[in-house]
Amino acid sequence: MAPGQAERTPVSTDRSESTTVTFRGADGLALVADEWNNPEALARSGAEFDTSRPSVLMLHGGGQNRFSWKKTGQLLASRGLHVVALDSRGHGDSDRSPDAKYTVEALCADTRSVLEQIGRPVVLIGASMGGLTGILAAHEAGPDRVQRLILVDVVPRYEKDGSARIRDFMFSHVHGFESLEEAAEAVAAYLPHRTKPRSPDGLRKNLRHRNGRWYWHWDPAFLTKPQEDPFVRVDMLEQAAIDLSIPILLIRGKLSDVVSEEAVEDFLRKVPNAEFAELSGAGHTAAGDDNDAFSDVVVQFVLRR
């Protein structure tokens, strides 16, 4: 595969189906993604595709993976958009960084590389860690490459207590679970506002089974290597957001302990081209807490002319 070129498996033109794609990150890492409506594949098949609309690139939060976006990706694809849901380095099926480089700058460099390989203007959608990465990537790539930005329950000046609760949850289960049921119980205790699924089988996409235990599908060095917290760089990220001239949508889960009402007001005051939507039944994991409401807000913003 040539440098800077995405590797694709045979592509389906069924817009409800995704295709597995491998991009190359800034350090040569393989970054796996789900892709819908690849423009080149659609052109070869003779299918209609609106080239005036940007692509959509979705960046998940820390400890998550591309499957967090599945329903939203399918919905955007059903509206004819080219959509890519990326596994960040060290997460999901993407390569782990051999020297545990998981700073926001490293994640931004990967995103810039993927943007170049997509080769079209994009709307960036980023949750938590992915949102902070999106701010920096949009700032560095410029408005011709990133035309809109959606931040999912994150602002540069987030609540440290809420962030610490996330990290505590991730740390507390770094040695895995005896069963899927045990993992489901842990998630239910961490997200008490979310209806617990009848079956824990849905967690199989977030966990990997090895040596008799189930482990979260991300690199423990993301949290355990001594380094600067990947969720910081507050002043730099805030200035990057202020400097953006593109439309920005900030989505907050009303139950969130990571983004406060005061932080939203501060962000909207400093970033006048940003607008705001709040999901009443959602917390920090907004896309999974109330996916229907979340997807409706996202689709309206992305498709707005």
C-alpha atoms as a PDB file:
ATOM      1  CA  MET A   1       0.000   0.000   0.000  1.00  0.00           C
ATOM      2  CA  ALA A   2       1.365   3.419  -0.937  1.00  0.00           C
ATOM      3  CA  PRO A   3       2.024   5.956   1.850  1.00  0.00           C
ATOM      4  CA  GLY A   4      -0.994   8.120   2.608  1.00  0.00           C
ATOM      5  CA  GLN A   5      -3.417   5.747   0.902  1.00  0.00           C
ATOM      6  CA  ALA A   6      -6.270   4.001   2.700  1.00  0.00           C
ATOM      7  CA  GLU A   7      -6.542   0.231   2.356  1.00  0.00           C
ATOM      8  CA  ARG A   8     -10.083  -0.941   1.609  1.00  0.00           C
ATOM      9  CA  THR A   9     -11.760  -4.302   1.540  1.00  0.00           C
ATOM     10  CA  PRO A  10     -14.289  -4.963  -1.290  1.00  0.00           C
ATOM     11  CA  VAL A  11     -16.939  -2.262  -1.032  1.00  0.00           C
ATOM     12  CA  SER A  12     -20.698  -2.740  -0.870  1.00  0.00           C
ATOM     13  CA  THR A  13     -22.911  -0.073  -2.399  1.00  0.00           C
ATOM     14  CA  ASP A  14     -25.681  -0.859   0.098  1.00  0.00           C
ATOM     15  CA  ARG A  15     -25.760   2.384   2.045  1.00  0.00           C
ATOM     16  CA  SER A  16     -26.845   0.639   5.252  1.00  0.00           C
ATOM     17  CA  GLU A  17     -23.673  -1.470   5.252  1.00  0.00           C
ATOM     18  CA  SER A  18     -20.240  -0.332   6.325  1.00  0.00           C
ATOM     19  CA  THR A  19     -16.909  -1.505   4.975  1.00  0.00           C
ATOM     20  CA  THR A  20     -13.760  -2.084   7.020  1.00  0.00           C
ATOM     21  CA  VAL A  21     -11.032   0.374   6.030  1.00  0.00           C
ATOM     22  CA  THR A  22      -7.432   0.799   7.182  1.00  0.00           C
ATOM     23  CA  PHE A  23      -5.834   4.242   7.188  1.00  0.00           C
ATOM     24  CA  ARG A  24      -2.273   5.151   8.120  1.00  0.00           C
ATOM     25  CA  GLY A  25      -1.600   7.349  11.112  1.00  0.00           C
ATOM     26  CA  ALA A  26       1.143   9.912  11.550  1.00  0.00           C
ATOM     27  CA  ASP A  27       3.629   7.340  12.936  1.00  0.00           C
ATOM     28  CA  GLY A  28       2.778   4.687  10.362  1.00  0.00           C
ATOM     29  CA  LEU A  29       0.254   3.076  12.696  1.00  0.00           C
ATOM     30  CA  ALA A  30      -2.629   1.192  11.107  1.00  0.00           C
ATOM     31  CA  LEU A  31      -5.913   2.912  12.012  1.00  0.00           C
ATOM     32  CA  VAL A  32      -9.024   0.821  11.391  1.00  0.00           C
ATOM     33  CA  ALA A  33     -12.371   2.408  10.543  1.00  0.00           C
ATOM     34  CA  ASP A  34     -15.892   1.652   9.407  1.00  0.00           C
ATOM     35  CA  GLU A  35     -16.805   3.460   6.205  1.00  0.00           C
ATOM     36  CA  TRP A  36     -20.124   4.038   4.477  1.00  0.00           C
ATOM     37  CA  ASN A  37     -20.667   5.389   0.941  1.00  0.00           C
ATOM     38  CA  ASN A  38     -17.105   5.554  -0.297  1.00  0.00           C
ATOM     39  CA  PRO A  39     -17.379   8.108  -3.158  1.00  0.00           C
ATOM     40  CA  GLU A  40     -15.034   6.245  -5.510  1.00  0.00           C
ATOM     41  CA  ALA A  41     -16.901   2.960  -5.044  1.00  0.00           C
ATOM     42  CA  LEU A  42     -20.251   4.655  -5.636  1.00  0.00           C
ATOM     43  CA  ALA A  43     -18.910   6.318  -8.796  1.00  0.00           C
ATOM     44  CA  ARG A  44     -17.702   2.968 -10.138  1.00  0.00           C
ATOM     45  CA  SER A  45     -21.115   1.422  -9.483  1.00  0.00           C
ATOM     46  CA  GLY A  46     -22.965   4.288 -11.136  1.00  0.00           C
ATOM     47  CA  ALA A  47     -24.816   5.171  -7.912  1.00  0.00           C
ATOM     48  CA  GLU A  48     -25.776   8.776  -7.278  1.00  0.00           C
ATOM     49  CA  PHE A  49     -23.638  10.762  -4.831  1.00  0.00           C
ATOM     50  CA  ASP A  50     -23.926  14.450  -3.917  1.00  0.00           C
ATOM     51  CA  THR A  51     -20.347  15.674  -4.185  1.00  0.00           C
ATOM     52  CA  SER A  52     -21.295  19.082  -2.748  1.00  0.00           C
ATOM     53  CA  ARG A  53     -21.756  17.590   0.713  1.00  0.00           C
ATOM     54  CA  PRO A  54     -18.727  17.044   2.948  1.00  0.00           C
ATOM     55  CA  SER A  55     -17.683  13.690   4.308  1.00  0.00           C
ATOM     56  CA  VAL A  56     -18.178  12.943   8.012  1.00  0.00           C
ATOM     57  CA  LEU A  57     -15.303  11.746  10.227  1.00  0.00           C
ATOM     58  CA  MET A  58     -16.238  10.533  13.720  1.00  0.00           C
ATOM     59  CA  LEU A  59     -13.734  10.370  16.591  1.00  0.00           C
ATOM     60  CA  HIS A  60     -14.732   8.431  19.716  1.00  0.00           C
ATOM     61  CA  GLY A  61     -13.898   9.132  23.351  1.00  0.00           C
ATOM     62  CA  GLY A  62     -11.123   7.645  25.460  1.00  0.00           C
ATOM     63  CA  GLY A  63     -11.649   3.950  26.148  1.00  0.00           C
ATOM     64  CA  GLN A  64     -14.300   3.648  23.421  1.00  0.00           C
ATOM     65  CA  ASN A  65     -14.069   2.564  19.786  1.00  0.00           C
ATOM     66  CA  ARG A  66     -15.678   3.090  16.390  1.00  0.00           C
ATOM     67  CA  PHE A  67     -18.718   0.967  17.252  1.00  0.00           C
ATOM     68  CA  SER A  68     -19.896   3.790  19.544  1.00  0.00           C
ATOM     69  CA  TRP A  69     -20.999   5.555  16.354  1.00  0.00           C
ATOM     70  CA  LYS A  70     -22.665   2.656  14.527  1.00  0.00           C
ATOM     71  CA  LYS A  71     -26.290   3.818  14.609  1.00  0.00           C
ATOM     72  CA  THR A  72     -25.442   7.447  13.939  1.00  0.00           C
ATOM     73  CA  GLY A  73     -23.116   6.413  11.112  1.00  0.00           C
ATOM     74  CA  GLN A  74     -25.833   4.297   9.529  1.00  0.00           C
ATOM     75  CA  LEU A  75     -28.329   7.158   9.756  1.00  0.00           C
ATOM     76  CA  LEU A  76     -25.938   9.679   8.197  1.00  0.00           C
ATOM     77  CA  ALA A  77     -25.111   7.171   5.471  1.00  0.00           C
ATOM     78  CA  SER A  78     -28.796   6.619   4.759  1.00  0.00           C
ATOM     79  CA  ARG A  79     -28.977  10.329   3.933  1.00  0.00           C
ATOM     80  CA  GLY A  80     -26.341   9.836   1.258  1.00  0.00           C
ATOM     81  CA  LEU A  81     -23.267  11.038   3.153  1.00  0.00           C
ATOM     82  CA  HIS A  82     -19.789   9.566   3.046  1.00  0.00           C
ATOM     83  CA  VAL A  83     -19.076   8.552   6.664  1.00  0.00           C
ATOM     84  CA  VAL A  84     -15.947   7.270   8.424  1.00  0.00           C
ATOM     85  CA  ALA A  85     -15.942   6.088  12.062  1.00  0.00           C
ATOM     86  CA  LEU A  86     -12.330   5.732  13.198  1.00  0.00           C
ATOM     87  CA  ASP A  87     -10.667   3.634  15.893  1.00  0.00           C
ATOM     88  CA  SER A  88      -8.100   5.986  17.455  1.00  0.00           C
ATOM     89  CA  ARG A  89      -4.580   4.736  18.048  1.00  0.00           C
ATOM     90  CA  GLY A  90      -4.470   2.279  20.923  1.00  0.00           C
ATOM     91  CA  HIS A  91      -8.226   1.681  20.736  1.00  0.00           C
ATOM     92  CA  GLY A  92     -10.361  -0.981  19.089  1.00  0.00           C
ATOM     93  CA  ASP A  93      -8.666  -2.678  16.147  1.00  0.00           C
ATOM     94  CA  SER A  94      -6.156   0.108  15.487  1.00  0.00           C
ATOM     95  CA  ASP A  95      -2.472  -0.324  16.288  1.00  0.00           C
ATOM     96  CA  ARG A  96      -1.161   0.526  19.718  1.00  0.00           C
ATOM     97  CA  SER A  97       1.579   3.120  19.923  1.00  0.00           C
ATOM     98  CA  PRO A  98       4.853   1.284  20.697  1.00  0.00           C
ATOM     99  CA  ASP A  99       6.074   4.216  22.790  1.00  0.00           C
ATOM    100  CA  ALA A 100       2.619   4.977  24.279  1.00  0.00           C
ATOM    101  CA  LYS A 101       2.194   8.335  22.535  1.00  0.00           C
ATOM    102  CA  TYR A 102      -1.437   9.169  23.298  1.00  0.00           C
ATOM    103  CA  THR A 103      -1.266  12.925  23.710  1.00  0.00           C
ATOM    104  CA  VAL A 104      -3.819  15.136  22.009  1.00  0.00           C
ATOM    105  CA  GLU A 105      -1.056  16.223  19.615  1.00  0.00           C
ATOM    106  CA  ALA A 106      -0.407  12.607  18.570  1.00  0.00           C
ATOM    107  CA  LEU A 107      -4.129  11.967  18.103  1.00  0.00           C
ATOM    108  CA  CYS A 108      -4.398  15.188  16.098  1.00  0.00           C
ATOM    109  CA  ALA A 109      -1.523  14.124  13.849  1.00  0.00           C
ATOM    110  CA  ASP A 110      -3.338  10.850  13.141  1.00  0.00           C
ATOM    111  CA  THR A 111      -6.524  12.748  12.346  1.00  0.00           C
ATOM    112  CA  ARG A 112      -4.687  15.082   9.971  1.00  0.00           C
ATOM    113  CA  SER A 113      -3.259  12.043   8.189  1.00  0.00           C
ATOM    114  CA  VAL A 114      -6.717  10.473   7.843  1.00  0.00           C
ATOM    115  CA  LEU A 115      -8.154  13.757   6.558  1.00  0.00           C
ATOM    116  CA  GLU A 116      -5.532  13.798   3.818  1.00  0.00           C
ATOM    117  CA  GLN A 117      -6.371  10.217   2.859  1.00  0.00           C
ATOM    118  CA  ILE A 118     -10.105  10.956   2.756  1.00  0.00           C
ATOM    119  CA  GLY A 119      -9.217  13.785   0.397  1.00  0.00           C
ATOM    120  CA  ARG A 120     -12.513  15.666   0.705  1.00  0.00           C
ATOM    121  CA  PRO A 121     -13.858  18.412   3.000  1.00  0.00           C
ATOM    122  CA  VAL A 122     -15.254  16.922   6.192  1.00  0.00           C
ATOM    123  CA  VAL A 123     -17.478  17.511   9.165  1.00  0.00           C
ATOM    124  CA  LEU A 124     -15.600  16.364  12.273  1.00  0.00           C
ATOM    125  CA  ILE A 125     -17.621  14.814  15.101  1.00  0.00           C
ATOM    126  CA  GLY A 126     -15.675  14.185  18.302  1.00  0.00           C
ATOM    127  CA  ALA A 127     -16.774  12.854  21.683  1.00  0.00           C
ATOM    128  CA  SER A 128     -14.750  13.715  24.787  1.00  0.00           C
ATOM    129  CA  MET A 129     -11.126  12.893  23.843  1.00  0.00           C
ATOM    130  CA  GLY A 130     -12.202  12.862  20.199  1.00  0.00           C
ATOM    131  CA  GLY A 131     -13.722  16.311  20.580  1.00  0.00           C
ATOM    132  CA  LEU A 132     -10.530  17.819  21.974  1.00  0.00           C
ATOM    133  CA  THR A 133      -8.643  16.143  19.145  1.00  0.00           C
ATOM    134  CA  GLY A 134     -11.199  17.576  16.713  1.00  0.00           C
ATOM    135  CA  ILE A 135     -10.670  21.134  17.950  1.00  0.00           C
ATOM    136  CA  LEU A 136      -6.938  20.944  17.341  1.00  0.00           C
ATOM    137  CA  ALA A 137      -7.274  19.082  14.031  1.00  0.00           C
ATOM    138  CA  ALA A 138      -9.829  21.586  12.698  1.00  0.00           C
ATOM    139  CA  HIS A 139      -7.581  24.468  13.725  1.00  0.00           C
ATOM    140  CA  GLU A 140      -4.493  22.979  12.074  1.00  0.00           C
ATOM    141  CA  ALA A 141      -6.231  21.651   8.934  1.00  0.00           C
ATOM    142  CA  GLY A 142      -8.113  24.880   8.211  1.00  0.00           C
ATOM    143  CA  PRO A 143     -11.687  25.587   7.052  1.00  0.00           C
ATOM    144  CA  ASP A 144     -11.208  24.243   3.525  1.00  0.00           C
ATOM    145  CA  ARG A 145     -10.510  20.778   4.937  1.00  0.00           C
ATOM    146  CA  VAL A 146     -12.729  20.813   8.083  1.00  0.00           C
ATOM    147  CA  GLN A 147     -15.935  22.693   7.337  1.00  0.00           C
ATOM    148  CA  ARG A 148     -17.887  22.016  10.543  1.00  0.00           C
ATOM    149  CA  LEU A 149     -17.182  20.651  14.006  1.00  0.00           C
ATOM    150  CA  ILE A 150     -19.459  18.840  16.455  1.00  0.00           C
ATOM    151  CA  LEU A 151     -18.249  18.530  20.059  1.00  0.00           C
ATOM    152  CA  VAL A 152     -19.996  15.814  22.060  1.00  0.00           C
ATOM    153  CA  ASP A 153     -20.001  16.635  25.766  1.00  0.00           C
ATOM    154  CA  VAL A 154     -16.601  18.250  25.861  1.00  0.00           C
ATOM    155  CA  VAL A 155     -15.128  21.733  26.068  1.00  0.00           C
ATOM    156  CA  PRO A 156     -11.512  22.666  26.815  1.00  0.00           C
ATOM    157  CA  ARG A 157     -12.444  23.723  30.370  1.00  0.00           C
ATOM    158  CA  TYR A 158     -14.205  20.544  31.424  1.00  0.00           C
ATOM    159  CA  GLU A 159     -14.897  19.455  34.997  1.00  0.00           C
ATOM    160  CA  LYS A 160     -11.879  17.708  36.500  1.00  0.00           C
ATOM    161  CA  ASP A 161     -13.994  15.678  38.949  1.00  0.00           C
ATOM    162  CA  GLY A 162     -16.046  14.229  36.123  1.00  0.00           C
ATOM    163  CA  SER A 163     -12.924  13.406  34.115  1.00  0.00           C
ATOM    164  CA  ALA A 164     -11.383  11.757  37.177  1.00  0.00           C
ATOM    165  CA  ARG A 165     -14.467   9.559  37.564  1.00  0.00           C
ATOM    166  CA  ILE A 166     -13.991   8.305  33.995  1.00  0.00           C
ATOM    167  CA  ARG A 167     -10.337   7.555  34.561  1.00  0.00           C
ATOM    168  CA  ASP A 168     -11.087   5.831  37.876  1.00  0.00           C
ATOM    169  CA  PHE A 169     -13.593   3.564  36.130  1.00  0.00           C
ATOM    170  CA  MET A 170     -11.076   2.736  33.402  1.00  0.00           C
ATOM    171  CA  PHE A 171      -8.269   2.109  35.915  1.00  0.00           C
ATOM    172  CA  SER A 172     -10.394  -0.052  38.174  1.00  0.00           C
ATOM    173  CA  HIS A 173     -11.005  -2.644  35.456  1.00  0.00           C
ATOM    174  CA  VAL A 174      -7.674  -2.575  33.647  1.00  0.00           C
ATOM    175  CA  HIS A 175      -7.074  -6.199  34.728  1.00  0.00           C
ATOM    176  CA  GLY A 176     -10.242  -7.406  33.039  1.00  0.00           C
ATOM    177  CA  PHE A 177     -13.389  -9.318  33.985  1.00  0.00           C
ATOM    178  CA  GLU A 178     -14.167 -12.967  34.576  1.00  0.00           C
ATOM    179  CA  SER A 179     -17.256 -12.784  32.346  1.00  0.00           C
ATOM    180  CA  LEU A 180     -19.315 -10.532  30.114  1.00  0.00           C
ATOM    181  CA  GLU A 181     -21.932 -10.442  32.869  1.00  0.00           C
ATOM    182  CA  GLU A 182     -19.386  -9.021  35.313  1.00  0.00           C
ATOM    183  CA  ALA A 183     -18.441  -6.357  32.768  1.00  0.00           C
ATOM    184  CA  ALA A 184     -22.118  -5.506  32.207  1.00  0.00           C
ATOM    185  CA  GLU A 185     -22.627  -5.066  35.953  1.00  0.00           C
ATOM    186  CA  ALA A 186     -19.654  -2.707  36.113  1.00  0.00           C
ATOM    187  CA  VAL A 187     -21.007  -0.610  33.238  1.00  0.00           C
ATOM    188  CA  ALA A 188     -24.476  -0.502  34.814  1.00  0.00           C
ATOM    189  CA  ALA A 189     -23.005   0.756  38.089  1.00  0.00           C
ATOM    190  CA  TYR A 190     -20.991   3.400  36.236  1.00  0.00           C
ATOM    191  CA  LEU A 191     -23.952   4.519  34.075  1.00  0.00           C
ATOM    192  CA  PRO A 192     -26.995   4.128  36.352  1.00  0.00           C
ATOM    193  CA  HIS A 193     -29.110   6.462  34.181  1.00  0.00           C
ATOM    194  CA  ARG A 194     -28.828   4.128  31.186  1.00  0.00           C
ATOM    195  CA  THR A 195     -31.210   1.172  30.756  1.00  0.00           C
ATOM    196  CA  LYS A 196     -29.239  -2.037  31.217  1.00  0.00           C
ATOM    197  CA  PRO A 197     -29.393  -4.304  28.126  1.00  0.00           C
ATOM    198  CA  ARG A 198     -31.057  -7.666  28.583  1.00  0.00           C
ATOM    199  CA  SER A 199     -27.976  -9.421  27.239  1.00  0.00           C
ATOM    200  CA  PRO A 200     -24.305  -8.489  27.773  1.00  0.00           C
ATOM    201  CA  ASP A 201     -23.387  -9.759  24.285  1.00  0.00           C
ATOM    202  CA  GLY A 202     -23.246  -6.211  22.938  1.00  0.00           C
ATOM    203  CA  LEU A 203     -20.081  -5.712  24.984  1.00  0.00           C
ATOM    204  CA  ARG A 204     -18.193  -8.170  22.788  1.00  0.00           C
ATOM    205  CA  LYS A 205     -17.261  -5.296  20.475  1.00  0.00           C
ATOM    206  CA  ASN A 206     -15.713  -3.405  23.397  1.00  0.00           C
ATOM    207  CA  LEU A 207     -13.923  -6.340  25.034  1.00  0.00           C
ATOM    208  CA  ARG A 208     -11.442  -8.995  23.955  1.00  0.00           C
ATOM    209  CA  HIS A 209     -11.156 -12.471  25.503  1.00  0.00           C
ATOM    210  CA  ARG A 210      -7.686 -13.768  26.277  1.00  0.00           C
ATOM    211  CA  ASN A 211      -6.172 -16.011  28.947  1.00  0.00           C
ATOM    212  CA  GLY A 212      -9.606 -16.718  30.367  1.00  0.00           C
ATOM    213  CA  ARG A 213     -10.588 -13.090  31.014  1.00  0.00           C
ATOM    214  CA  TRP A 214     -12.344 -10.264  29.175  1.00  0.00           C
ATOM    215  CA  TYR A 215     -10.349  -7.053  28.716  1.00  0.00           C
ATOM    216  CA  TRP A 216     -11.359  -3.623  27.463  1.00  0.00           C
ATOM    217  CA  HIS A 217     -10.181  -3.206  23.883  1.00  0.00           C
ATOM    218  CA  TRP A 218      -7.728  -0.359  24.424  1.00  0.00           C
ATOM    219  CA  ASP A 219      -4.071  -0.067  25.379  1.00  0.00           C
ATOM    220  CA  PRO A 220      -3.630   0.175  29.192  1.00  0.00           C
ATOM    221  CA  ALA A 221      -0.612   2.412  28.544  1.00  0.00           C
ATOM    222  CA  PHE A 222      -3.149   5.041  27.464  1.00  0.00           C
ATOM    223  CA  LEU A 223      -3.653   5.534  31.208  1.00  0.00           C
ATOM    224  CA  THR A 224      -0.736   3.866  32.947  1.00  0.00           C
ATOM    225  CA  LYS A 225       2.353   5.329  31.267  1.00  0.00           C
ATOM    226  CA  PRO A 226       3.603   8.369  33.212  1.00  0.00           C
ATOM    227  CA  GLN A 227       3.017  11.307  30.886  1.00  0.00           C
ATOM    228  CA  GLU A 228       1.017  14.463  30.635  1.00  0.00           C
ATOM    229  CA  ASP A 229      -2.695  13.786  30.942  1.00  0.00           C
ATOM    230  CA  PRO A 230      -4.084  13.396  27.380  1.00  0.00           C
ATOM    231  CA  PHE A 231      -7.152  15.361  28.438  1.00  0.00           C
ATOM    232  CA  VAL A 232      -5.268  18.597  29.263  1.00  0.00           C
ATOM    233  CA  ARG A 233      -3.651  21.433  27.267  1.00  0.00           C
ATOM    234  CA  VAL A 234      -6.570  23.644  28.298  1.00  0.00           C
ATOM    235  CA  ASP A 235      -5.344  27.077  27.228  1.00  0.00           C
ATOM    236  CA  MET A 236      -3.995  25.880  23.881  1.00  0.00           C
ATOM    237  CA  LEU A 237      -7.206  24.027  23.019  1.00  0.00           C
ATOM    238  CA  GLU A 238      -9.399  26.900  24.108  1.00  0.00           C
ATOM    239  CA  GLN A 239      -7.487  29.359  21.934  1.00  0.00           C
ATOM    240  CA  ALA A 240      -7.704  26.925  19.009  1.00  0.00           C
ATOM    241  CA  ALA A 241     -11.499  26.800  19.443  1.00  0.00           C
ATOM    242  CA  ILE A 242     -11.723  30.592  19.670  1.00  0.00           C
ATOM    243  CA  ASP A 243      -9.738  30.946  16.450  1.00  0.00           C
ATOM    244  CA  LEU A 244     -12.047  28.646  14.464  1.00  0.00           C
ATOM    245  CA  SER A 245     -14.261  30.396  11.918  1.00  0.00           C
ATOM    246  CA  ILE A 246     -16.356  27.326  11.013  1.00  0.00           C
ATOM    247  CA  PRO A 247     -19.807  26.481  12.424  1.00  0.00           C
ATOM    248  CA  ILE A 248     -19.513  24.543  15.695  1.00  0.00           C
ATOM    249  CA  LEU A 249     -22.191  22.565  17.510  1.00  0.00           C
ATOM    250  CA  LEU A 250     -21.684  21.731  21.183  1.00  0.00           C
ATOM    251  CA  ILE A 251     -23.879  18.875  22.414  1.00  0.00           C
ATOM    252  CA  ARG A 252     -24.169  18.343  26.167  1.00  0.00           C
ATOM    253  CA  GLY A 253     -25.818  15.538  28.064  1.00  0.00           C
ATOM    254  CA  LYS A 254     -27.912  17.213  30.755  1.00  0.00           C
ATOM    255  CA  LEU A 255     -26.789  14.579  33.269  1.00  0.00           C
ATOM    256  CA  SER A 256     -23.109  15.107  32.458  1.00  0.00           C
ATOM    257  CA  ASP A 257     -20.588  15.658  35.242  1.00  0.00           C
ATOM    258  CA  VAL A 258     -17.844  16.444  32.716  1.00  0.00           C
ATOM    259  CA  VAL A 259     -19.338  19.572  31.093  1.00  0.00           C
ATOM    260  CA  SER A 260     -21.126  21.941  33.461  1.00  0.00           C
ATOM    261  CA  GLU A 261     -23.723  24.577  32.591  1.00  0.00           C
ATOM    262  CA  GLU A 262     -21.178  27.228  33.546  1.00  0.00           C
ATOM    263  CA  ALA A 263     -18.602  25.704  31.203  1.00  0.00           C
ATOM    264  CA  VAL A 264     -21.136  25.761  28.355  1.00  0.00           C
ATOM    265  CA  GLU A 265     -21.899  29.445  28.980  1.00  0.00           C
ATOM    266  CA  ASP A 266     -18.175  30.238  29.089  1.00  0.00           C
ATOM    267  CA  PHE A 267     -17.518  28.368  25.831  1.00  0.00           C
ATOM    268  CA  LEU A 268     -20.415  29.985  23.968  1.00  0.00           C
ATOM    269  CA  ARG A 269     -19.332  33.425  25.152  1.00  0.00           C
ATOM    270  CA  LYS A 270     -15.772  32.904  23.914  1.00  0.00           C
ATOM    271  CA  VAL A 271     -16.683  31.071  20.684  1.00  0.00           C
ATOM    272  CA  PRO A 272     -19.481  33.142  19.115  1.00  0.00           C
ATOM    273  CA  ASN A 273     -19.851  30.916  16.028  1.00  0.00           C
ATOM    274  CA  ALA A 274     -20.791  27.965  18.257  1.00  0.00           C
ATOM    275  CA  GLU A 275     -24.339  26.827  18.931  1.00  0.00           C
ATOM    276  CA  PHE A 276     -25.634  24.526  21.624  1.00  0.00           C
ATOM    277  CA  ALA A 277     -27.950  21.555  22.047  1.00  0.00           C
ATOM    278  CA  GLU A 278     -28.725  19.683  25.270  1.00  0.00           C
ATOM    279  CA  LEU A 279     -30.020  16.118  25.549  1.00  0.00           C
ATOM    280  CA  SER A 280     -32.222  15.774  28.620  1.00  0.00           C
ATOM    281  CA  GLY A 281     -31.890  12.008  29.004  1.00  0.00           C
ATOM    282  CA  ALA A 282     -28.147  11.726  28.431  1.00  0.00           C
ATOM    283  CA  GLY A 283     -24.926  11.994  30.393  1.00  0.00           C
ATOM    284  CA  HIS A 284     -21.335  12.226  29.225  1.00  0.00           C
ATOM    285  CA  THR A 285     -21.754   9.234  26.892  1.00  0.00           C
ATOM    286  CA  ALA A 286     -24.459  11.116  25.020  1.00  0.00           C
ATOM    287  CA  ALA A 287     -24.430   9.137  21.769  1.00  0.00           C
ATOM    288  CA  GLY A 288     -25.090   5.882  23.608  1.00  0.00           C
ATOM    289  CA  ASP A 289     -27.387   7.258  26.305  1.00  0.00           C
ATOM    290  CA  ASP A 290     -30.017   8.669  23.921  1.00  0.00           C
ATOM    291  CA  ASN A 291     -28.926   7.772  20.410  1.00  0.00           C
ATOM    292  CA  ASP A 292     -32.167   8.770  18.691  1.00  0.00           C
ATOM    293  CA  ALA A 293     -32.135  12.305  20.078  1.00  0.00           C
ATOM    294  CA  PHE A 294     -28.387  12.582  19.541  1.00  0.00           C
ATOM    295  CA  SER A 295     -28.583  11.438  15.919  1.00  0.00           C
ATOM    296  CA  ASP A 296     -31.456  13.809  15.147  1.00  0.00           C
ATOM    297  CA  VAL A 297     -29.431  16.805  16.340  1.00  0.00           C
ATOM    298  CA  VAL A 298     -26.323  15.680  14.467  1.00  0.00           C
ATOM    299  CA  VAL A 299     -28.127  15.008  11.173  1.00  0.00           C
ATOM    300  CA  GLN A 300     -29.856  18.402  11.237  1.00  0.00           C
ATOM    301  CA  PHE A 301     -26.551  20.214  11.770  1.00  0.00           C
ATOM    302  CA  VAL A 302     -24.598  18.195   9.206  1.00  0.00           C
ATOM    303  CA  LEU A 303     -27.229  18.516   6.464  1.00  0.00           C
ATOM    304  CA  ARG A 304     -27.936  22.205   6.990  1.00  0.00           C
ATOM    305  CA  ARG A 305     -27.021  24.108   3.851  1.00  0.00           C
END
